[in-house]
Amino acid sequence: MAWLCCVALALALGACSSGTEASTDGSGEKGGSETVAVEVPATTEEPVDDAAAEEDTTAEDVTDIARPSTAGSLQVIGTQLCDEEGNAIQLRGISLHGLAWYGQYVNEEAFQTLAGWGCNVVRLPLYTAEYGGWCTDGDHDELLALLDKGVEAAAACDMYVIVDWHVLQDQDPNVNIDEAIAFFDEASARYAGYGNVIYEICNEPNGSVTWADVKSYAEEVIPHIRANDVDALIIVGTPTWSQDVDAAAADPIEDQQNIMYALHFYAATHKDDLRAKLVAAHEAGLPVIVSEFGICDASGSGAIDEESAQEWIDLLDGYDMSYLMWNLSNKDESSSILLPGCAKTGGFGEDDLSEAGWWIYELLRGEKTDQASEPVAQEETPASVAASGGIEASVELTNSWSQDGATCYQYAVVITNPQGAAVNGWSVQVSFDGEPTLRDSWNGTFEIDGSVMTITSADYNASIGAEGSLTDVGFIVSGARATGTL
């Protein structure tokens, strides 16, 4: 899951019961809201029919990918992850969301779909301190059954699998070190014979935690895994939501083999500074794995930045560095690879994928193309109208691309309160030149009735202070364009 503060985490849990982990709560507060009818300038290109036939995304496997049947047990040589013969390999895959909340995706059909895209690794996040977590009120028998099912499904699909002790809200992994030791004692004994299992012992240490704290924890936990699985690959998180790989590079864990260090990024938030930190750690000799990343911002549910994401991928591929994207779920957040309305738990088709899902699907299959290579004409100036009560809103077309036989349109929404007093609750209405299909949305509740979309506030952004504004609301549609005032 992702950089989070405790408040963002609470919102995420309310939604999934994201960080990401961190994520938006899709519920809107409708009582006492202001309604804005927004005019959006039309583009000049004719709309494209959105009724393209769905294709089975499992139809054709990607070849020349390191898998347990060919690469065998993994080992770390210098900074590089290698197969059992010492050849450099790269793991590329997808992390599931919390097992306690999205366990329906732990199944062989789902994993086979991902394998068909080119995934050779999946990640099973076992949250620790959150609702349903291992160290709170989670059912250990049910969670272990999901882990067993995930490990076996990954093995059946010839994939590696990461058992992720998903430290997040507890911040310091030492808070639950006794539970961690007991868990890894049991898990490593259960999975020692599989050969495809990787252990991630602390997802994202955060808060005031130092590398010395994390290192001390790792030195306590690792021997318990080694007692059952002497050569298993182990991933150690780093402070600041697994960003401080420089601290680990300055004082790495000693006298242990097959250890890698986690770096997590969210492309719209983490850019040149964190990329420079990764390069410096790599050049210092630290073996790094990106066990979680997203192409949106660090909340897990903000705007997507494909340009920054591509810079990250170019850097990682240049080093043959492994990476896994967050997350396989239909949670209503921009980091999820499935659309919120997708009820499937496997066999996902192209029409089931969110913007993030399309991005990772094309990347893994080697079919990543510049979706904006034939751009739709765009108005540079956002439309803006005032509503009763003085609330104002603007909607701007920020991107467009061809996808699956349709043209997709991405809009940014800005809601402003120019008044001298706060408002509580808001609503925006947008009209279209046809009946749009909602492909993705963030930071609000979105409903479409014919050619009209109504956007209402979520509980966490309903209040807008005097002379304040919201700038992180947006959506992606296909099949119709926003055109005018209601």
Protein backbone atom coordinates (compact mmCIF):
# COMPACT_ATOMS: atom_id res chain seq x y z
CA MET A 1 0.00 0.00 0.00
CA ALA A 2 1.78 3.85 0.18
CA TRP A 3 2.64 6.98 1.95
CA LEU A 4 -0.07 7.70 4.47
CA CYS A 5 -0.89 9.70 7.48
CA CYS A 6 -3.13 8.16 10.11
CA VAL A 7 -6.11 10.26 8.98
CA ALA A 8 -5.78 9.07 5.39
CA LEU A 9 -5.52 5.52 6.64
CA ALA A 10 -8.71 5.86 8.63
CA LEU A 11 -10.46 7.03 5.46
CA ALA A 12 -9.06 4.08 3.54
CA LEU A 13 -10.29 1.60 6.10
CA GLY A 14 -13.71 3.18 6.11
CA ALA A 15 -13.88 2.68 2.36
CA CYS A 16 -12.64 -0.88 2.22
CA SER A 17 -13.97 -2.41 5.38
CA SER A 18 -4.57 1.78 0.12
CA GLY A 19 -2.43 3.41 1.56
CA THR A 20 -2.95 2.51 0.06
CA GLU A 21 -3.74 1.66 1.28
CA ALA A 22 -4.49 5.24 1.43
CA SER A 23 -7.58 6.08 -0.48
CA THR A 24 -10.70 8.10 -0.81
CA ASP A 25 -14.00 7.25 0.76
CA GLY A 26 -16.53 7.16 -2.04
CA SER A 27 -19.42 8.23 0.16
CA GLY A 28 -20.68 11.76 -0.36
CA GLU A 29 -22.35 14.02 2.18
CA LYS A 30 -25.44 15.22 0.38
CA GLY A 31 -27.27 17.09 3.11
CA GLY A 32 -27.23 20.86 2.84
CA SER A 33 -25.02 20.89 -0.22
CA GLU A 34 -24.58 23.57 -2.84
CA THR A 35 -25.22 22.52 -6.44
CA VAL A 36 -23.26 23.88 -9.35
CA ALA A 37 -24.18 23.39 -12.99
CA VAL A 38 -20.88 23.48 -14.82
CA GLU A 39 -20.32 24.44 -18.42
CA VAL A 40 -17.41 22.77 -20.18
CA PRO A 41 -16.25 23.85 -23.64
CA ALA A 42 -16.69 21.18 -26.27
CA THR A 43 -13.78 19.75 -28.20
CA THR A 44 -13.73 19.68 -31.96
CA GLU A 45 -13.22 15.99 -32.57
CA GLU A 46 -16.20 13.74 -33.17
CA PRO A 47 -16.84 11.25 -30.34
CA VAL A 48 -15.76 7.65 -30.79
CA ASP A 49 -18.18 4.82 -30.19
CA ASP A 50 -17.42 3.19 -26.83
CA ALA A 51 -19.03 -0.13 -27.67
CA ALA A 52 -15.81 -1.97 -28.50
CA ALA A 53 -15.98 -5.69 -27.90
CA GLU A 54 -14.30 -6.89 -24.72
CA GLU A 55 -11.22 -9.02 -25.24
CA ASP A 56 -9.95 -11.76 -22.97
CA THR A 57 -6.72 -10.39 -21.53
CA THR A 58 -5.49 -13.89 -20.71
CA ALA A 59 -5.44 -14.97 -24.33
CA GLU A 60 -1.74 -14.77 -25.03
CA ASP A 61 1.07 -15.36 -22.56
CA VAL A 62 4.17 -13.22 -22.54
CA THR A 63 7.35 -15.23 -23.03
CA ASP A 64 10.96 -14.87 -21.85
CA ILE A 65 9.93 -14.08 -18.28
CA ALA A 66 11.70 -15.47 -15.24
CA ARG A 67 9.39 -17.94 -13.54
CA PRO A 68 9.94 -20.53 -10.80
CA SER A 69 9.93 -23.37 -13.33
CA THR A 70 12.85 -21.82 -15.23
CA ALA A 71 14.59 -19.48 -12.78
CA GLY A 72 14.27 -21.67 -9.69
CA SER A 73 15.19 -20.31 -6.28
CA LEU A 74 16.20 -16.66 -6.32
CA GLN A 75 19.41 -15.22 -4.96
CA VAL A 76 20.97 -11.79 -4.53
CA ILE A 77 24.40 -11.20 -6.06
CA GLY A 78 25.73 -7.73 -5.36
CA THR A 79 22.86 -5.37 -6.14
CA GLN A 80 21.17 -7.76 -8.56
CA LEU A 81 18.38 -10.28 -8.11
CA CYS A 82 19.39 -13.47 -9.93
CA ASP A 83 18.07 -16.91 -10.73
CA GLU A 84 19.57 -20.04 -9.21
CA GLU A 85 22.24 -20.12 -11.95
CA GLY A 86 23.37 -16.56 -11.20
CA ASN A 87 21.72 -14.90 -14.22
CA ALA A 88 20.19 -11.47 -13.65
CA ILE A 89 16.38 -11.51 -13.61
CA GLN A 90 13.61 -9.03 -13.00
CA LEU A 91 10.33 -9.53 -11.18
CA ARG A 92 7.41 -7.45 -12.46
CA GLY A 93 3.98 -7.84 -10.99
CA ILE A 94 1.05 -6.57 -8.97
CA SER A 95 0.26 -6.36 -5.28
CA LEU A 96 -3.17 -7.30 -4.05
CA HIS A 97 -4.94 -5.07 -1.52
CA GLY A 98 -5.43 -6.10 2.13
CA LEU A 99 -6.32 -9.76 2.42
CA ALA A 100 -8.86 -9.09 5.15
CA TRP A 101 -10.85 -6.77 2.86
CA TYR A 102 -10.19 -7.96 -0.69
CA GLY A 103 -9.52 -11.64 -0.26
CA GLN A 104 -11.83 -12.50 -3.16
CA TYR A 105 -8.95 -11.85 -5.56
CA VAL A 106 -6.82 -14.59 -4.02
CA ASN A 107 -7.63 -17.27 -6.56
CA GLU A 108 -5.99 -19.14 -9.39
CA GLU A 109 -8.13 -17.58 -12.13
CA ALA A 110 -7.11 -14.07 -11.11
CA PHE A 111 -3.44 -15.02 -10.88
CA GLN A 112 -3.56 -16.77 -14.25
CA THR A 113 -4.98 -13.60 -15.78
CA LEU A 114 -2.06 -11.62 -14.38
CA ALA A 115 0.41 -14.26 -15.54
CA GLY A 116 -1.02 -13.91 -19.04
CA TRP A 117 -0.23 -10.21 -18.96
CA GLY A 118 3.39 -10.95 -18.10
CA CYS A 119 3.34 -10.86 -14.30
CA ASN A 120 5.78 -13.23 -12.65
CA VAL A 121 5.12 -12.17 -9.06
CA VAL A 122 2.16 -11.24 -6.86
CA ARG A 123 2.13 -9.77 -3.37
CA LEU A 124 -0.19 -10.76 -0.52
CA PRO A 125 -0.53 -7.87 1.98
CA LEU A 126 -1.31 -9.01 5.51
CA TYR A 127 -2.13 -5.82 7.39
CA THR A 128 -1.02 -5.82 11.00
CA ALA A 129 -2.55 -3.00 13.06
CA GLU A 130 -5.64 -2.02 11.06
CA TYR A 131 -9.21 -3.29 11.29
CA GLY A 132 -9.11 -6.99 10.48
CA GLY A 133 -5.34 -7.00 10.88
CA TRP A 134 -3.25 -9.85 12.23
CA CYS A 135 -2.39 -7.99 15.43
CA THR A 136 -5.85 -6.54 16.05
CA ASP A 137 -9.08 -8.46 15.48
CA GLY A 138 -8.22 -10.44 12.35
CA ASP A 139 -9.20 -14.11 12.21
CA HIS A 140 -5.85 -15.93 12.04
CA ASP A 141 -7.33 -19.11 10.62
CA GLU A 142 -9.07 -17.24 7.79
CA LEU A 143 -6.03 -15.11 7.03
CA LEU A 144 -3.71 -18.13 6.99
CA ALA A 145 -6.15 -19.93 4.71
CA LEU A 146 -5.97 -16.98 2.29
CA LEU A 147 -2.18 -17.00 2.43
CA ASP A 148 -2.15 -20.75 1.78
CA LYS A 149 -4.52 -20.29 -1.14
CA GLY A 150 -2.40 -17.46 -2.53
CA VAL A 151 0.88 -19.35 -2.29
CA GLU A 152 -0.63 -22.42 -3.92
CA ALA A 153 -2.33 -20.39 -6.67
CA ALA A 154 0.92 -18.59 -7.44
CA ALA A 155 2.74 -21.90 -7.63
CA ALA A 156 0.08 -23.30 -9.96
CA CYS A 157 0.48 -20.24 -12.20
CA ASP A 158 4.29 -20.46 -12.14
CA MET A 159 4.70 -17.17 -10.29
CA TYR A 160 6.66 -15.97 -7.31
CA VAL A 161 4.66 -14.67 -4.34
CA ILE A 162 5.52 -12.17 -1.61
CA VAL A 163 4.11 -12.74 1.87
CA ASP A 164 3.89 -9.14 3.06
CA TRP A 165 3.79 -8.27 6.79
CA HIS A 166 2.06 -4.98 6.07
CA VAL A 167 3.27 -2.62 8.77
CA LEU A 168 1.57 0.75 8.30
CA GLN A 169 -0.60 2.18 11.06
CA ASP A 170 1.65 0.66 13.73
CA GLN A 171 4.53 2.70 12.20
CA ASP A 172 7.35 1.00 14.15
CA PRO A 173 7.63 -2.72 13.36
CA ASN A 174 8.99 -3.29 16.86
CA VAL A 175 5.52 -2.51 18.27
CA ASN A 176 4.36 -5.97 17.19
CA ILE A 177 7.70 -7.77 17.00
CA ASP A 178 6.56 -10.74 19.10
CA GLU A 179 3.61 -11.31 16.78
CA ALA A 180 5.89 -10.89 13.77
CA ILE A 181 8.33 -13.49 15.05
CA ALA A 182 5.54 -15.96 15.77
CA PHE A 183 4.00 -15.33 12.35
CA PHE A 184 7.21 -15.79 10.39
CA ASP A 185 8.08 -18.87 12.44
CA GLU A 186 4.82 -20.41 11.27
CA ALA A 187 4.75 -19.03 7.72
CA SER A 188 8.31 -20.02 6.87
CA ALA A 189 7.66 -23.53 8.17
CA ARG A 190 4.47 -23.79 6.08
CA TYR A 191 6.03 -22.55 2.83
CA ALA A 192 9.64 -23.73 3.03
CA GLY A 193 9.03 -26.44 0.45
CA TYR A 194 7.44 -24.28 -2.22
CA GLY A 195 10.48 -22.47 -3.62
CA ASN A 196 8.47 -19.50 -4.93
CA VAL A 197 7.84 -17.65 -1.64
CA ILE A 198 9.46 -14.32 -0.74
CA TYR A 199 9.07 -12.73 2.69
CA GLU A 200 8.57 -8.97 3.17
CA ILE A 201 8.98 -8.42 6.89
CA CYS A 202 7.88 -4.77 7.32
CA ASN A 203 6.01 -2.98 4.56
CA GLU A 204 6.33 0.73 5.37
CA PRO A 205 7.90 1.84 8.66
CA ASN A 206 6.96 5.46 9.19
CA GLY A 207 6.56 8.23 11.71
CA SER A 208 9.60 8.77 13.92
CA VAL A 209 11.08 5.34 13.15
CA THR A 210 14.78 5.32 12.29
CA TRP A 211 16.78 2.87 10.24
CA ALA A 212 18.42 1.71 13.47
CA ASP A 213 14.95 0.71 14.73
CA VAL A 214 14.13 -1.17 11.53
CA LYS A 215 17.54 -2.84 11.37
CA SER A 216 17.23 -4.05 14.95
CA TYR A 217 13.80 -5.50 14.16
CA ALA A 218 15.08 -7.22 11.02
CA GLU A 219 18.01 -8.76 12.87
CA GLU A 220 15.52 -10.30 15.32
CA VAL A 221 13.04 -11.58 12.74
CA ILE A 222 15.27 -12.87 9.93
CA PRO A 223 16.82 -15.78 11.91
CA HIS A 224 13.34 -17.18 12.51
CA ILE A 225 12.76 -17.40 8.77
CA ARG A 226 16.24 -18.79 8.16
CA ALA A 227 15.58 -21.56 10.71
CA ASN A 228 13.01 -23.01 8.29
CA ASP A 229 14.03 -21.64 4.89
CA VAL A 230 17.74 -20.95 4.84
CA ASP A 231 17.89 -19.43 1.32
CA ALA A 232 14.58 -17.57 1.10
CA LEU A 233 14.63 -14.08 -0.37
CA ILE A 234 13.74 -11.53 2.34
CA ILE A 235 12.69 -7.91 1.78
CA VAL A 236 13.29 -5.35 4.51
CA GLY A 237 11.33 -2.10 4.52
CA THR A 238 12.98 1.25 5.15
CA PRO A 239 11.87 4.35 7.12
CA THR A 240 9.58 7.09 5.77
CA TRP A 241 7.16 4.68 4.12
CA SER A 242 10.05 2.70 2.59
CA GLN A 243 11.81 5.64 0.99
CA ASP A 244 15.00 5.94 3.06
CA VAL A 245 17.13 3.43 1.20
CA ASP A 246 20.04 5.81 1.63
CA ALA A 247 20.01 5.15 5.38
CA ALA A 248 20.07 1.41 4.76
CA ALA A 249 22.90 1.80 2.24
CA ALA A 250 24.98 3.58 4.89
CA ASP A 251 24.45 0.78 7.43
CA PRO A 252 23.22 -2.43 5.78
CA ILE A 253 22.34 -5.62 7.61
CA GLU A 254 25.44 -7.78 8.04
CA ASP A 255 26.04 -11.53 8.00
CA GLN A 256 22.87 -12.27 6.01
CA GLN A 257 22.46 -13.45 2.43
CA ASN A 258 19.55 -12.93 0.04
CA ILE A 259 18.37 -9.68 1.59
CA MET A 260 16.85 -6.83 -0.43
CA TYR A 261 15.66 -3.43 0.71
CA ALA A 262 12.29 -1.91 -0.18
CA LEU A 263 11.73 1.40 -1.89
CA HIS A 264 8.14 2.51 -2.51
CA PHE A 265 7.04 5.37 -4.72
CA TYR A 266 3.88 6.99 -6.02
CA ALA A 267 4.73 8.69 -9.27
CA ALA A 268 2.66 11.85 -8.96
CA THR A 269 4.28 12.62 -5.57
CA HIS A 270 7.74 11.08 -5.63
CA LYS A 271 9.91 12.35 -8.43
CA ASP A 272 13.51 13.42 -9.00
CA ASP A 273 14.54 13.60 -5.34
CA LEU A 274 13.52 10.05 -4.56
CA ARG A 275 14.85 8.76 -7.88
CA ALA A 276 18.20 10.32 -6.99
CA LYS A 277 18.08 8.61 -3.61
CA LEU A 278 17.50 5.26 -5.32
CA VAL A 279 20.39 5.79 -7.71
CA ALA A 280 22.73 6.72 -4.87
CA ALA A 281 21.75 3.64 -2.85
CA HIS A 282 22.22 1.39 -5.86
CA GLU A 283 25.61 2.87 -6.62
CA ALA A 284 26.56 2.36 -2.97
CA GLY A 285 25.92 -1.36 -3.47
CA LEU A 286 22.47 -1.76 -1.88
CA PRO A 287 20.16 -4.34 -3.51
CA VAL A 288 16.82 -2.56 -3.87
CA ILE A 289 13.39 -3.86 -4.85
CA VAL A 290 10.32 -1.71 -5.46
CA SER A 291 7.82 -3.95 -3.73
CA GLU A 292 5.06 -1.36 -4.10
CA PHE A 293 4.45 1.61 -6.39
CA GLY A 294 1.61 3.52 -7.95
CA ILE A 295 1.25 5.91 -10.86
CA CYS A 296 -1.01 8.25 -8.89
CA ASP A 297 -0.12 10.43 -5.91
CA ALA A 298 0.88 9.10 -2.49
CA SER A 299 -2.68 9.07 -1.18
CA GLY A 300 -3.37 6.16 -3.50
CA SER A 301 -6.34 7.98 -4.97
CA GLY A 302 -5.20 11.21 -6.56
CA ALA A 303 -4.28 12.31 -10.03
CA ILE A 304 -2.21 10.02 -12.24
CA ASP A 305 1.16 11.14 -13.59
CA GLU A 306 2.17 8.86 -16.44
CA GLU A 307 5.19 10.97 -17.37
CA SER A 308 6.75 10.57 -13.92
CA ALA A 309 5.73 6.90 -13.87
CA GLN A 310 7.54 6.29 -17.14
CA GLU A 311 10.67 7.99 -15.79
CA TRP A 312 10.57 5.58 -12.87
CA ILE A 313 10.09 2.54 -15.09
CA ASP A 314 12.91 3.60 -17.40
CA LEU A 315 15.20 3.91 -14.37
CA LEU A 316 14.17 0.57 -12.88
CA ASP A 317 14.38 -1.30 -16.17
CA GLY A 318 17.82 0.18 -16.75
CA TYR A 319 19.00 -1.48 -13.54
CA ASP A 320 16.94 -4.69 -14.04
CA MET A 321 15.32 -3.73 -10.75
CA SER A 322 12.11 -5.53 -9.77
CA TYR A 323 8.79 -3.79 -9.12
CA LEU A 324 5.16 -4.45 -8.19
CA MET A 325 2.23 -2.11 -8.71
CA TRP A 326 -0.44 -1.40 -6.11
CA ASN A 327 -3.24 -2.77 -6.30
CA LEU A 328 -5.49 -5.53 -7.59
CA SER A 329 -8.96 -4.55 -6.43
CA ASN A 330 -12.08 -2.71 -7.55
CA LYS A 331 -11.78 -0.20 -4.73
CA ASP A 332 -12.91 3.25 -5.80
CA GLU A 333 -9.47 4.82 -5.94
CA SER A 334 -7.14 5.69 -8.78
CA SER A 335 -4.47 3.17 -7.74
CA SER A 336 -6.83 0.20 -8.20
CA ILE A 337 -6.39 -1.61 -11.50
CA LEU A 338 -10.07 -2.57 -11.81
CA LEU A 339 -13.00 -0.25 -12.33
CA PRO A 340 -15.21 0.19 -9.24
CA GLY A 341 -18.11 -1.49 -11.01
CA CYS A 342 -16.16 -4.61 -11.94
CA ALA A 343 -17.60 -7.58 -10.05
CA LYS A 344 -15.21 -10.14 -11.52
CA THR A 345 -12.66 -11.86 -9.33
CA GLY A 346 -10.65 -13.28 -12.23
CA GLY A 347 -10.57 -13.43 -16.01
CA PHE A 348 -10.51 -9.64 -16.22
CA GLY A 349 -11.24 -8.22 -19.66
CA GLU A 350 -10.09 -4.92 -21.10
CA ASP A 351 -13.39 -3.24 -20.26
CA ASP A 352 -12.80 -4.08 -16.59
CA LEU A 353 -9.59 -2.07 -16.30
CA SER A 354 -9.18 1.38 -14.77
CA GLU A 355 -6.71 3.89 -16.14
CA ALA A 356 -4.06 2.42 -13.83
CA GLY A 357 -5.07 -1.07 -14.94
CA TRP A 358 -4.62 -0.21 -18.59
CA TRP A 359 -1.25 1.34 -17.87
CA ILE A 360 0.17 -1.73 -16.10
CA TYR A 361 -1.49 -4.14 -18.55
CA GLU A 362 0.20 -2.49 -21.52
CA LEU A 363 3.50 -2.15 -19.68
CA LEU A 364 3.68 -5.80 -18.66
CA ARG A 365 2.73 -7.02 -22.12
CA GLY A 366 5.30 -4.81 -23.80
CA GLU A 367 2.55 -2.96 -25.62
CA LYS A 368 2.90 0.39 -23.85
CA THR A 369 2.15 3.07 -26.39
CA ASP A 370 1.76 6.80 -26.18
CA GLN A 371 -1.98 7.01 -25.71
CA ALA A 372 -1.85 10.73 -26.42
CA SER A 373 -0.07 10.28 -29.79
CA GLU A 374 -3.27 11.32 -31.55
CA PRO A 375 -4.56 13.90 -29.10
CA VAL A 376 -8.08 15.14 -29.04
CA ALA A 377 -8.33 18.89 -29.40
CA GLN A 378 -8.55 20.50 -25.97
CA GLU A 379 -9.66 23.88 -24.62
CA GLU A 380 -6.89 25.40 -22.56
CA THR A 381 -9.17 27.66 -20.53
CA PRO A 382 -11.43 25.88 -18.03
CA ALA A 383 -15.11 26.71 -18.06
CA SER A 384 -16.45 28.33 -14.91
CA VAL A 385 -19.90 29.35 -13.70
CA ALA A 386 -21.22 30.67 -10.40
CA ALA A 387 -23.93 28.87 -8.53
CA SER A 388 -26.56 30.02 -6.11
CA GLY A 389 -24.98 30.80 -2.80
CA GLY A 390 -21.76 31.95 -4.42
CA ILE A 391 -20.06 28.54 -4.87
CA GLU A 392 -18.08 28.35 -8.08
CA ALA A 393 -16.75 25.40 -10.05
CA SER A 394 -14.68 24.78 -13.13
CA VAL A 395 -14.08 21.65 -15.14
CA GLU A 396 -11.09 21.39 -17.45
CA LEU A 397 -10.26 18.76 -20.05
CA THR A 398 -6.69 17.82 -19.12
CA ASN A 399 -6.00 14.76 -21.27
CA SER A 400 -7.49 12.49 -23.92
CA TRP A 401 -6.43 9.30 -25.65
CA SER A 402 -7.68 6.39 -27.72
CA GLN A 403 -8.22 3.18 -25.80
CA ASP A 404 -9.99 -0.02 -26.72
CA GLY A 405 -11.71 1.62 -29.70
CA ALA A 406 -12.99 4.59 -27.74
CA THR A 407 -11.76 8.06 -26.89
CA CYS A 408 -11.19 8.67 -23.20
CA TYR A 409 -11.44 12.14 -21.70
CA GLN A 410 -9.86 13.12 -18.39
CA TYR A 411 -11.28 16.15 -16.55
CA ALA A 412 -10.08 18.09 -13.52
CA VAL A 413 -12.69 19.71 -11.30
CA VAL A 414 -12.02 22.74 -9.09
CA ILE A 415 -14.65 23.79 -6.54
CA THR A 416 -14.17 27.22 -4.97
CA ASN A 417 -15.90 28.97 -2.09
CA PRO A 418 -15.30 32.71 -2.55
CA GLN A 419 -17.52 33.57 0.43
CA GLY A 420 -16.43 34.74 3.84
CA ALA A 421 -17.98 31.73 5.58
CA ALA A 422 -17.43 27.98 5.23
CA VAL A 423 -19.86 25.74 3.36
CA ASN A 424 -20.61 22.16 4.24
CA GLY A 425 -21.44 19.89 1.34
CA TRP A 426 -21.33 20.55 -2.37
CA SER A 427 -22.61 19.15 -5.62
CA VAL A 428 -21.57 19.71 -9.23
CA GLN A 429 -23.51 18.75 -12.35
CA VAL A 430 -21.93 18.29 -15.76
CA SER A 431 -23.78 17.71 -19.02
CA PHE A 432 -22.46 15.63 -21.93
CA ASP A 433 -23.19 15.31 -25.64
CA GLY A 434 -24.26 11.71 -25.11
CA GLU A 435 -24.36 9.07 -22.38
CA PRO A 436 -20.80 8.75 -21.02
CA THR A 437 -19.21 5.68 -19.48
CA LEU A 438 -17.41 6.47 -16.24
CA ARG A 439 -13.98 4.81 -16.32
CA ASP A 440 -12.38 6.32 -13.25
CA SER A 441 -12.98 9.02 -10.66
CA TRP A 442 -11.49 10.39 -7.48
CA ASN A 443 -12.40 12.42 -4.39
CA GLY A 444 -16.16 12.49 -4.68
CA THR A 445 -19.26 10.41 -5.41
CA PHE A 446 -20.04 10.23 -9.12
CA GLU A 447 -23.44 9.29 -10.56
CA ILE A 448 -24.51 9.36 -14.21
CA ASP A 449 -28.14 9.66 -15.28
CA GLY A 450 -28.39 9.72 -19.06
CA SER A 451 -26.23 12.59 -20.27
CA VAL A 452 -25.83 14.23 -16.85
CA MET A 453 -23.14 13.50 -14.27
CA THR A 454 -23.67 14.59 -10.67
CA ILE A 455 -20.60 14.84 -8.46
CA THR A 456 -21.21 15.15 -4.73
CA SER A 457 -18.77 15.66 -1.91
CA ALA A 458 -17.18 12.84 0.02
CA ASP A 459 -17.42 12.99 3.80
CA TYR A 460 -13.82 14.11 4.14
CA ASN A 461 -13.99 17.02 1.65
CA ALA A 462 -17.55 18.25 2.16
CA SER A 463 -16.44 21.32 4.11
CA ILE A 464 -14.78 24.13 2.17
CA GLY A 465 -13.45 26.98 4.27
CA ALA A 466 -14.00 30.64 3.59
CA GLU A 467 -12.27 31.58 0.34
CA GLY A 468 -11.02 28.00 0.07
CA SER A 469 -11.03 25.57 -2.81
CA LEU A 470 -10.73 21.89 -3.73
CA THR A 471 -8.36 21.06 -6.57
CA ASP A 472 -8.05 17.26 -6.47
CA VAL A 473 -11.45 16.15 -7.79
CA GLY A 474 -11.56 14.56 -11.22
CA PHE A 475 -12.88 11.85 -13.51
CA ILE A 476 -12.30 9.95 -16.75
CA VAL A 477 -15.12 9.12 -19.17
CA SER A 478 -15.48 7.63 -22.60
CA GLY A 479 -18.21 7.63 -25.20
CA ALA A 480 -19.26 11.25 -24.70
CA ARG A 481 -17.78 14.66 -23.97
CA ALA A 482 -18.74 17.31 -21.47
CA THR A 483 -20.39 20.04 -23.49
CA GLY A 484 -22.49 22.59 -21.70
CA THR A 485 -24.55 24.07 -18.92
CA LEU A 486 -27.55 22.27 -17.63
